[in-house]
């Protein structure tokens, strides 16, 4: 029995794993189909660097191992995309900036985990300039097109990863998520994304956005796919100062059916969410209500958190981080980005301390929410994917920032029209969130 490589390159990861394990397809044939699609879809501008020779060599090695009954790991032979925010040995890490990019001497920790499990690294996917943006625009390399909604923005900052996956260029994608960089493009392109709890995955080799928030994210086609990848990528890394050595595993999915306390964000209009998005979100909540049994979801207001203002404080810290990290490489940055960085350069150390204090206060307030609720439900984005010729909406990352600023795991589920449903759990509840996300996806029209 054989499976079409062209069909499989557009299939969920769990289906690809099954086909490889049963010998329905070989990694070389599947990788070649992905590379052909990448070449055919060059107009999407989803990739910043592709190494076809290395990918095909890795795929042939995978086929040889499987022929001997000795697969390297769970992902042996699976073609994956990696955002250009991560180091991949032998490839440039451009981070969306112009000029000569440094070539990485070693893999980022999570990339090494993928490779160690046998994954085939196809190359690097495009990002916003310096990874600082939420639209998928880049004044140097060009904008990233949205294959799910032509003429619309792909989202960012890891828009290339989402566009590549939506176009069937890979079986899964590794993305960066500081304030929504994986979840926003996943929503715009009709995909699933997971931002794990802060510090559960190593950030070594991930270009700095804001180190107190940076998290490797996963963009996949199904919730089950995220559950397959998370254990592969997770692990303590002594070389990452924020990596945590767990004494106990992530909390298992042990919520009691009918007793799950869900908080549903109700003041969406105050947060600037479009009326069409609110209507779609409320319709999904009505379909999802039976999941929670007698413990019906409770409406809650998050406007008092003032996430938008806290996100602006985080942006000041991010601008300072960029200045400290990239130095002279920013001399060739666009005028708008240089203007933002110049603003940060004029601020005082007291301003940065105040911004850090504001982020700390947000963490405490969100902890208080989780004394009342097990999960928070809200849209992923405040509007449908903007047209490619309009300015980036100012509140594009406000809804995703709520989880990021508090270090919480967040799961994005696709909704029709380039929208998304977001589930946010308390830190460490990643597995519970994935189980709940799978149940919700099965009863609601999430487009998965």
Protein backbone atom coordinates (compact mmCIF):
# COMPACT_ATOMS: atom_id res chain seq x y z
CA UNK A 1 0.00 0.00 0.00
CA UNK A 2 1.35 3.44 -0.91
CA UNK A 3 0.35 7.00 -0.13
CA UNK A 4 0.74 10.01 -2.38
CA UNK A 5 3.60 12.26 -1.25
CA UNK A 6 1.65 15.28 -2.55
CA UNK A 7 -1.35 14.37 -0.39
CA UNK A 8 0.77 13.62 2.67
CA UNK A 9 2.67 16.93 2.55
CA UNK A 10 -0.69 18.59 3.26
CA UNK A 11 -1.75 16.08 5.92
CA UNK A 12 -1.57 16.29 9.73
CA UNK A 13 1.67 15.16 11.31
CA UNK A 14 0.06 12.10 12.89
CA UNK A 15 -0.97 10.86 9.42
CA UNK A 16 2.56 11.45 8.08
CA UNK A 17 4.07 9.48 10.97
CA UNK A 18 1.69 6.61 10.30
CA UNK A 19 2.55 6.55 6.59
CA UNK A 20 6.29 6.58 7.22
CA UNK A 21 6.08 3.85 9.89
CA UNK A 22 3.98 1.57 7.64
CA UNK A 23 6.19 2.13 4.62
CA UNK A 24 3.39 3.80 2.66
CA UNK A 25 5.82 6.53 1.66
CA UNK A 26 9.55 7.14 1.92
CA UNK A 27 11.08 10.23 3.44
CA UNK A 28 12.99 11.03 0.25
CA UNK A 29 9.81 11.02 -1.85
CA UNK A 30 7.95 13.10 0.73
CA UNK A 31 10.83 15.56 1.14
CA UNK A 32 11.16 15.92 -2.64
CA UNK A 33 7.43 16.68 -2.89
CA UNK A 34 7.82 19.39 -0.23
CA UNK A 35 10.83 20.90 -1.99
CA UNK A 36 8.98 20.90 -5.33
CA UNK A 37 6.07 22.72 -3.68
CA UNK A 38 8.43 25.27 -2.14
CA UNK A 39 9.90 26.00 -5.57
CA UNK A 40 6.48 26.21 -7.21
CA UNK A 41 5.19 28.58 -4.51
CA UNK A 42 8.18 30.93 -4.49
CA UNK A 43 5.76 33.84 -4.87
CA UNK A 44 4.52 33.26 -1.31
CA UNK A 45 7.89 34.49 -0.04
CA UNK A 46 7.56 32.07 2.85
CA UNK A 47 11.18 30.91 2.96
CA UNK A 48 14.40 32.81 3.62
CA UNK A 49 16.76 29.86 3.10
CA UNK A 50 16.27 26.33 1.75
CA UNK A 51 18.98 23.64 1.62
CA UNK A 52 17.54 21.04 -0.74
CA UNK A 53 20.72 18.95 -0.93
CA UNK A 54 21.06 18.61 2.85
CA UNK A 55 17.35 17.86 3.24
CA UNK A 56 17.37 15.12 0.59
CA UNK A 57 20.53 13.61 2.08
CA UNK A 58 18.88 13.51 5.51
CA UNK A 59 15.76 11.95 3.99
CA UNK A 60 17.75 9.23 2.24
CA UNK A 61 19.53 8.45 5.52
CA UNK A 62 16.14 8.17 7.21
CA UNK A 63 14.88 5.74 4.56
CA UNK A 64 18.00 3.62 5.06
CA UNK A 65 17.44 3.48 8.82
CA UNK A 66 13.79 2.52 8.42
CA UNK A 67 14.74 -0.18 5.90
CA UNK A 68 16.91 -1.71 8.64
CA UNK A 69 14.17 -1.34 11.23
CA UNK A 70 16.19 1.20 13.20
CA UNK A 71 14.46 4.59 13.04
CA UNK A 72 16.39 7.29 14.85
CA UNK A 73 13.36 8.59 16.74
CA UNK A 74 9.69 9.36 16.61
CA UNK A 75 10.04 11.99 13.86
CA UNK A 76 12.43 10.07 11.64
CA UNK A 77 11.99 11.28 8.07
CA UNK A 78 9.44 14.00 8.79
CA UNK A 79 10.11 17.22 6.81
CA UNK A 80 9.82 20.29 9.04
CA UNK A 81 10.16 24.05 8.64
CA UNK A 82 12.13 26.21 11.08
CA UNK A 83 11.56 29.94 11.53
CA UNK A 84 14.54 32.16 10.78
CA UNK A 85 14.53 33.16 14.44
CA UNK A 86 16.32 29.88 15.30
CA UNK A 87 19.90 28.84 14.64
CA UNK A 88 20.29 25.89 12.28
CA UNK A 89 23.86 24.66 11.88
CA UNK A 90 25.33 25.68 8.53
CA UNK A 91 22.51 28.10 7.71
CA UNK A 92 22.44 31.90 8.09
CA UNK A 93 20.33 33.37 10.89
CA UNK A 94 19.10 36.54 9.19
CA UNK A 95 16.22 37.32 11.61
CA UNK A 96 14.61 39.34 8.81
CA UNK A 97 17.44 41.90 8.77
CA UNK A 98 19.33 43.01 5.64
CA UNK A 99 23.02 42.47 4.96
CA UNK A 100 25.28 39.52 5.63
CA UNK A 101 23.78 37.22 8.24
CA UNK A 102 25.95 35.12 10.57
CA UNK A 103 26.03 31.41 9.76
CA UNK A 104 25.15 29.29 12.77
CA UNK A 105 27.82 26.89 13.98
CA UNK A 106 25.34 24.74 15.90
CA UNK A 107 21.62 24.08 16.14
CA UNK A 108 19.34 25.84 18.57
CA UNK A 109 18.46 23.46 21.40
CA UNK A 110 14.95 22.73 20.11
CA UNK A 111 16.26 22.28 16.55
CA UNK A 112 18.80 19.78 17.88
CA UNK A 113 15.94 17.94 19.60
CA UNK A 114 14.06 17.77 16.29
CA UNK A 115 17.13 16.55 14.45
CA UNK A 116 17.87 14.06 17.19
CA UNK A 117 14.41 12.56 16.68
CA UNK A 118 15.14 12.15 12.97
CA UNK A 119 13.32 15.18 11.55
CA UNK A 120 14.43 16.47 8.15
CA UNK A 121 15.16 20.21 8.33
CA UNK A 122 14.09 21.78 5.02
CA UNK A 123 15.34 25.28 5.76
CA UNK A 124 14.44 28.61 7.37
CA UNK A 125 11.12 30.44 6.98
CA UNK A 126 10.69 34.20 6.67
CA UNK A 127 9.96 36.59 9.54
CA UNK A 128 9.16 40.26 10.13
CA UNK A 129 12.14 42.61 10.27
CA UNK A 130 14.18 41.70 13.37
CA UNK A 131 11.27 39.47 14.38
CA UNK A 132 9.61 42.69 15.56
CA UNK A 133 6.12 42.76 14.09
CA UNK A 134 2.86 40.87 13.89
CA UNK A 135 1.88 41.25 10.24
CA UNK A 136 4.35 39.26 8.14
CA UNK A 137 5.76 42.37 6.49
CA UNK A 138 9.43 42.86 5.75
CA UNK A 139 10.74 45.96 3.91
CA UNK A 140 13.92 44.16 2.84
CA UNK A 141 12.87 40.63 1.89
CA UNK A 142 9.28 41.42 0.92
CA UNK A 143 5.95 40.61 2.53
CA UNK A 144 4.82 37.06 3.25
CA UNK A 145 1.69 36.09 1.31
CA UNK A 146 -1.21 34.25 2.93
CA UNK A 147 -2.02 31.07 0.97
CA UNK A 148 -5.26 30.53 2.90
CA UNK A 149 -6.55 34.06 2.21
CA UNK A 150 -4.89 35.53 -0.91
CA UNK A 151 -4.41 39.28 -0.76
CA UNK A 152 -4.36 39.23 3.04
CA UNK A 153 -1.48 39.41 5.51
CA UNK A 154 0.03 36.17 6.76
CA UNK A 155 0.65 37.51 10.25
CA UNK A 156 3.87 37.51 12.21
CA UNK A 157 6.44 37.48 13.38
CA UNK A 158 6.78 33.85 12.20
CA UNK A 159 4.48 34.36 9.23
CA UNK A 160 6.68 32.34 6.89
CA UNK A 161 6.31 29.24 9.06
CA UNK A 162 2.51 29.49 8.95
CA UNK A 163 2.40 30.27 5.22
CA UNK A 164 4.72 27.34 4.46
CA UNK A 165 2.60 24.92 6.46
CA UNK A 166 -0.67 26.22 5.00
CA UNK A 167 0.76 25.71 1.51
CA UNK A 168 1.80 22.13 2.26
CA UNK A 169 5.56 22.73 2.30
CA UNK A 170 6.19 20.75 5.50
CA UNK A 171 4.51 18.51 8.07
CA UNK A 172 5.08 20.90 10.99
CA UNK A 173 6.81 24.18 11.74
CA UNK A 174 8.89 25.57 14.59
CA UNK A 175 8.18 29.25 15.29
CA UNK A 176 9.06 31.90 17.84
CA UNK A 177 6.36 33.31 20.12
CA UNK A 178 7.11 36.33 22.30
CA UNK A 179 3.77 38.15 22.20
CA UNK A 180 1.90 35.99 19.69
CA UNK A 181 4.42 35.39 16.89
CA UNK A 182 3.23 31.79 16.31
CA UNK A 183 -0.46 32.13 17.22
CA UNK A 184 -1.32 35.19 15.10
CA UNK A 185 -0.06 33.78 11.78
CA UNK A 186 -1.57 30.39 12.63
CA UNK A 187 -4.97 32.05 13.03
CA UNK A 188 -4.61 34.07 9.84
CA UNK A 189 -3.56 30.96 7.88
CA UNK A 190 -6.10 28.53 9.38
CA UNK A 191 -3.75 26.43 11.52
CA UNK A 192 -3.23 25.22 15.09
CA UNK A 193 -0.49 26.74 17.25
CA UNK A 194 0.81 26.10 20.74
CA UNK A 195 2.80 28.53 22.86
CA UNK A 196 4.04 26.34 25.72
CA UNK A 197 4.47 27.54 29.29
CA UNK A 198 7.42 29.89 29.63
CA UNK A 199 10.75 28.05 30.18
CA UNK A 200 9.34 24.60 29.37
CA UNK A 201 11.32 24.65 26.09
CA UNK A 202 14.86 25.93 25.86
CA UNK A 203 15.42 29.28 24.15
CA UNK A 204 19.11 28.68 23.50
CA UNK A 205 19.71 29.52 19.85
CA UNK A 206 16.44 31.47 19.55
CA UNK A 207 16.99 35.08 18.49
CA UNK A 208 16.12 37.35 21.39
CA UNK A 209 12.84 39.23 21.25
CA UNK A 210 12.44 39.70 24.99
CA UNK A 211 14.13 37.02 27.02
CA UNK A 212 11.66 37.14 29.89
CA UNK A 213 8.87 36.27 27.40
CA UNK A 214 10.50 34.39 24.48
CA UNK A 215 9.13 30.90 23.86
CA UNK A 216 9.56 28.44 20.99
CA UNK A 217 6.13 27.82 19.50
CA UNK A 218 4.63 25.05 17.38
CA UNK A 219 2.52 25.53 14.25
CA UNK A 220 0.72 22.37 13.13
CA UNK A 221 -2.43 21.20 11.39
CA UNK A 222 -4.10 19.40 14.31
CA UNK A 223 -4.10 19.61 18.11
CA UNK A 224 -2.86 16.02 18.22
CA UNK A 225 0.24 17.10 16.28
CA UNK A 226 1.22 19.56 19.01
CA UNK A 227 0.90 16.77 21.56
CA UNK A 228 3.30 14.66 19.49
CA UNK A 229 5.92 17.40 19.19
CA UNK A 230 5.90 18.86 22.70
CA UNK A 231 7.53 15.86 24.45
CA UNK A 232 10.24 15.76 21.77
CA UNK A 233 11.16 19.42 22.24
CA UNK A 234 10.78 19.63 26.01
CA UNK A 235 13.78 19.15 28.24
CA UNK A 236 16.07 20.91 30.68
CA UNK A 237 18.94 22.84 29.15
CA UNK A 238 21.66 23.92 31.56
CA UNK A 239 22.97 26.40 28.98
CA UNK A 240 19.69 28.34 29.00
CA UNK A 241 19.53 30.44 32.19
CA UNK A 242 15.72 30.34 32.18
CA UNK A 243 15.33 26.62 31.54
CA UNK A 244 13.74 24.78 34.45
CA UNK A 245 14.70 21.33 35.72
CA UNK A 246 11.34 19.75 36.49
CA UNK A 247 11.09 17.55 39.57
CA UNK A 248 7.65 16.44 38.45
CA UNK A 249 6.27 16.15 34.91
CA UNK A 250 3.82 18.57 33.36
CA UNK A 251 0.42 18.32 35.01
CA UNK A 252 -1.52 15.45 33.37
CA UNK A 253 -4.89 16.05 31.70
CA UNK A 254 -6.89 15.24 34.83
CA UNK A 255 -9.73 17.75 34.72
CA UNK A 256 -12.95 16.17 35.88
CA UNK A 257 -15.60 16.31 33.14
CA UNK A 258 -18.40 18.66 34.10
CA UNK A 259 -16.34 20.46 36.73
CA UNK A 260 -14.02 22.45 34.48
CA UNK A 261 -14.25 26.15 35.36
CA UNK A 262 -13.94 28.26 32.24
CA UNK A 263 -13.71 32.02 32.11
CA UNK A 264 -14.97 33.51 28.85
CA UNK A 265 -13.75 37.02 28.03
CA UNK A 266 -16.89 39.12 27.66
CA UNK A 267 -15.70 42.72 27.28
CA UNK A 268 -14.34 42.22 23.79
CA UNK A 269 -15.88 45.41 22.44
CA UNK A 270 -13.99 47.43 25.06
CA UNK A 271 -10.80 45.71 23.87
CA UNK A 272 -11.39 46.90 20.31
CA UNK A 273 -12.39 43.53 18.86
CA UNK A 274 -14.33 43.76 15.59
CA UNK A 275 -18.08 43.05 15.82
CA UNK A 276 -17.82 40.19 13.32
CA UNK A 277 -15.14 38.55 15.45
CA UNK A 278 -17.26 38.94 18.59
CA UNK A 279 -20.27 37.38 16.85
CA UNK A 280 -18.22 34.45 15.62
CA UNK A 281 -16.64 33.91 19.03
CA UNK A 282 -20.01 33.94 20.81
CA UNK A 283 -21.40 31.44 18.29
CA UNK A 284 -18.48 29.08 18.96
CA UNK A 285 -18.91 29.46 22.71
CA UNK A 286 -22.55 28.40 22.38
CA UNK A 287 -21.50 25.22 20.56
CA UNK A 288 -18.71 24.53 23.05
CA UNK A 289 -20.80 24.99 26.22
CA UNK A 290 -21.74 21.26 26.51
CA UNK A 291 -18.04 20.40 26.96
CA UNK A 292 -18.17 22.01 30.40
CA UNK A 293 -21.23 20.09 31.64
CA UNK A 294 -22.99 21.69 34.60
CA UNK A 295 -20.06 24.05 35.22
CA UNK A 296 -21.13 26.45 32.48
CA UNK A 297 -18.56 28.99 31.29
CA UNK A 298 -18.55 32.23 33.29
CA UNK A 299 -18.36 35.61 31.58
CA UNK A 300 -15.38 37.63 32.77
CA UNK A 301 -13.91 41.06 32.03
CA UNK A 302 -10.19 41.49 31.38
CA UNK A 303 -10.18 45.20 30.52
CA UNK A 304 -9.01 45.98 34.10
CA UNK A 305 -5.79 44.10 33.28
CA UNK A 306 -5.05 46.81 30.68
CA UNK A 307 -3.15 44.33 28.55
CA UNK A 308 -2.57 46.91 25.80
CA UNK A 309 -0.63 49.19 28.14
CA UNK A 310 1.37 46.28 29.55
CA UNK A 311 2.16 45.12 26.01
CA UNK A 312 3.49 48.60 25.25
CA UNK A 313 5.74 48.31 28.31
CA UNK A 314 6.98 44.98 26.95
CA UNK A 315 7.64 46.57 23.56
CA UNK A 316 9.94 49.11 25.20
CA UNK A 317 11.88 46.25 26.75
CA UNK A 318 11.94 44.43 23.40
CA UNK A 319 13.36 47.49 21.65
CA UNK A 320 16.11 47.69 24.27
CA UNK A 321 16.77 43.96 23.81
CA UNK A 322 17.14 44.41 20.05
CA UNK A 323 19.62 47.26 20.53
CA UNK A 324 21.68 45.17 22.94
CA UNK A 325 21.59 42.04 20.79
CA UNK A 326 22.09 43.15 17.19
CA UNK A 327 24.16 46.32 17.45
CA UNK A 328 25.59 47.39 14.07
CA UNK A 329 23.31 45.03 12.14
CA UNK A 330 20.50 47.47 12.93
CA UNK A 331 22.27 50.28 11.04
CA UNK A 332 20.71 48.89 7.85
CA UNK A 333 17.26 48.45 9.39
CA UNK A 334 14.28 50.32 7.96
CA UNK A 335 13.63 53.90 9.01
CA UNK A 336 10.46 52.99 10.98
CA UNK A 337 12.30 50.34 13.00
CA UNK A 338 15.26 52.66 13.61
CA UNK A 339 12.79 55.27 14.85
CA UNK A 340 11.33 52.85 17.40
CA UNK A 341 14.78 51.86 18.57
CA UNK A 342 15.86 55.48 18.86
CA UNK A 343 12.90 56.08 21.18
CA UNK A 344 14.04 53.19 23.38
CA UNK A 345 17.59 54.51 23.40
CA UNK A 346 16.36 57.81 24.87
CA UNK A 347 14.59 56.16 27.81
CA UNK A 348 16.21 55.92 31.23
CA UNK A 349 17.08 52.90 33.33
CA UNK A 350 14.20 53.93 35.59
CA UNK A 351 11.80 53.63 32.63
CA UNK A 352 12.99 50.08 31.97
CA UNK A 353 12.64 49.16 35.64
CA UNK A 354 9.09 50.56 35.66
CA UNK A 355 8.24 48.50 32.56
CA UNK A 356 9.54 45.37 34.25
CA UNK A 357 7.46 46.15 37.34
CA UNK A 358 4.36 46.47 35.16
CA UNK A 359 4.96 43.03 33.66
CA UNK A 360 5.38 41.58 37.16
CA UNK A 361 2.05 43.09 38.20
CA UNK A 362 0.37 41.47 35.20
CA UNK A 363 1.65 38.05 36.27
CA UNK A 364 0.11 38.46 39.72
CA UNK A 365 -3.25 39.59 38.31
CA UNK A 366 -3.43 36.62 35.95
CA UNK A 367 -2.56 34.27 38.82
CA UNK A 368 -5.56 35.69 40.63
CA UNK A 369 -7.73 34.81 37.63
CA UNK A 370 -6.59 31.19 37.84
CA UNK A 371 -7.73 31.03 41.44
CA UNK A 372 -11.25 31.28 39.93
CA UNK A 373 -10.83 29.50 36.60
CA UNK A 374 -9.08 26.49 35.09
CA UNK A 375 -9.00 27.90 31.56
CA UNK A 376 -9.62 31.24 29.86
CA UNK A 377 -11.31 31.42 26.46
CA UNK A 378 -10.97 34.37 24.10
CA UNK A 379 -10.37 35.11 20.41
CA UNK A 380 -6.81 34.89 19.12
CA UNK A 381 -7.01 37.99 16.93
CA UNK A 382 -9.22 41.08 17.11
CA UNK A 383 -9.90 41.22 13.37
CA UNK A 384 -9.76 39.14 10.23
CA UNK A 385 -6.43 39.10 8.36
CA UNK A 386 -5.88 42.67 7.14
CA UNK A 387 -5.49 43.38 3.44
CA UNK A 388 -1.90 43.38 2.27
CA UNK A 389 -2.01 47.10 1.46
CA UNK A 390 -3.20 48.40 4.84
CA UNK A 391 -1.23 49.32 7.95
CA UNK A 392 -0.73 46.78 10.72
CA UNK A 393 -3.55 47.17 13.29
CA UNK A 394 -2.23 48.57 16.56
CA UNK A 395 -4.06 45.96 18.65
CA UNK A 396 -3.05 42.95 16.55
CA UNK A 397 -1.16 41.26 19.41
CA UNK A 398 -3.24 42.45 22.38
CA UNK A 399 -5.26 39.24 22.75
CA UNK A 400 -2.27 36.93 22.44
CA UNK A 401 -0.22 39.11 24.80
CA UNK A 402 -2.45 38.27 27.78
CA UNK A 403 -0.94 34.77 28.00
CA UNK A 404 2.58 35.73 26.93
CA UNK A 405 3.01 38.45 29.54
CA UNK A 406 2.07 35.99 32.30
CA UNK A 407 4.13 33.03 31.01
CA UNK A 408 0.98 30.96 30.42
CA UNK A 409 0.53 28.23 27.81
CA UNK A 410 -1.87 29.19 25.03
CA UNK A 411 -3.45 27.08 22.30
CA UNK A 412 -4.75 28.60 19.06
CA UNK A 413 -7.55 26.78 17.22
CA UNK A 414 -8.53 27.92 13.72
CA UNK A 415 -11.92 29.46 12.99
CA UNK A 416 -13.33 30.24 9.55
CA UNK A 417 -12.24 33.48 7.90
CA UNK A 418 -8.71 33.59 9.28
CA UNK A 419 -9.87 33.96 12.88
CA UNK A 420 -8.97 31.93 15.93
CA UNK A 421 -10.15 30.60 19.29
CA UNK A 422 -7.55 30.85 22.03
CA UNK A 423 -7.35 28.70 25.16
CA UNK A 424 -5.12 29.96 27.98
CA UNK A 425 -4.13 27.84 30.99
CA UNK A 426 -2.06 28.44 34.08
CA UNK A 427 1.69 27.73 33.74
CA UNK A 428 2.40 24.00 33.60
CA UNK A 429 -1.05 23.02 32.31
CA UNK A 430 0.09 22.44 28.71
CA UNK A 431 -1.09 18.83 28.50
CA UNK A 432 -4.46 19.68 30.01
CA UNK A 433 -4.83 22.50 27.50
CA UNK A 434 -4.10 20.17 24.58
CA UNK A 435 -6.66 17.63 25.76
CA UNK A 436 -9.33 20.29 26.16
CA UNK A 437 -8.40 21.78 22.80
CA UNK A 438 -8.87 18.43 21.12
CA UNK A 439 -12.34 18.04 22.69
CA UNK A 440 -13.36 21.57 21.69
CA UNK A 441 -12.12 21.04 18.14
CA UNK A 442 -14.25 17.91 17.89
CA UNK A 443 -17.50 19.65 18.87
CA UNK A 444 -17.00 23.11 17.37
CA UNK A 445 -16.44 24.18 13.79
CA UNK A 446 -12.84 25.25 14.31
CA UNK A 447 -11.80 24.57 10.75
CA UNK A 448 -9.13 22.10 11.94
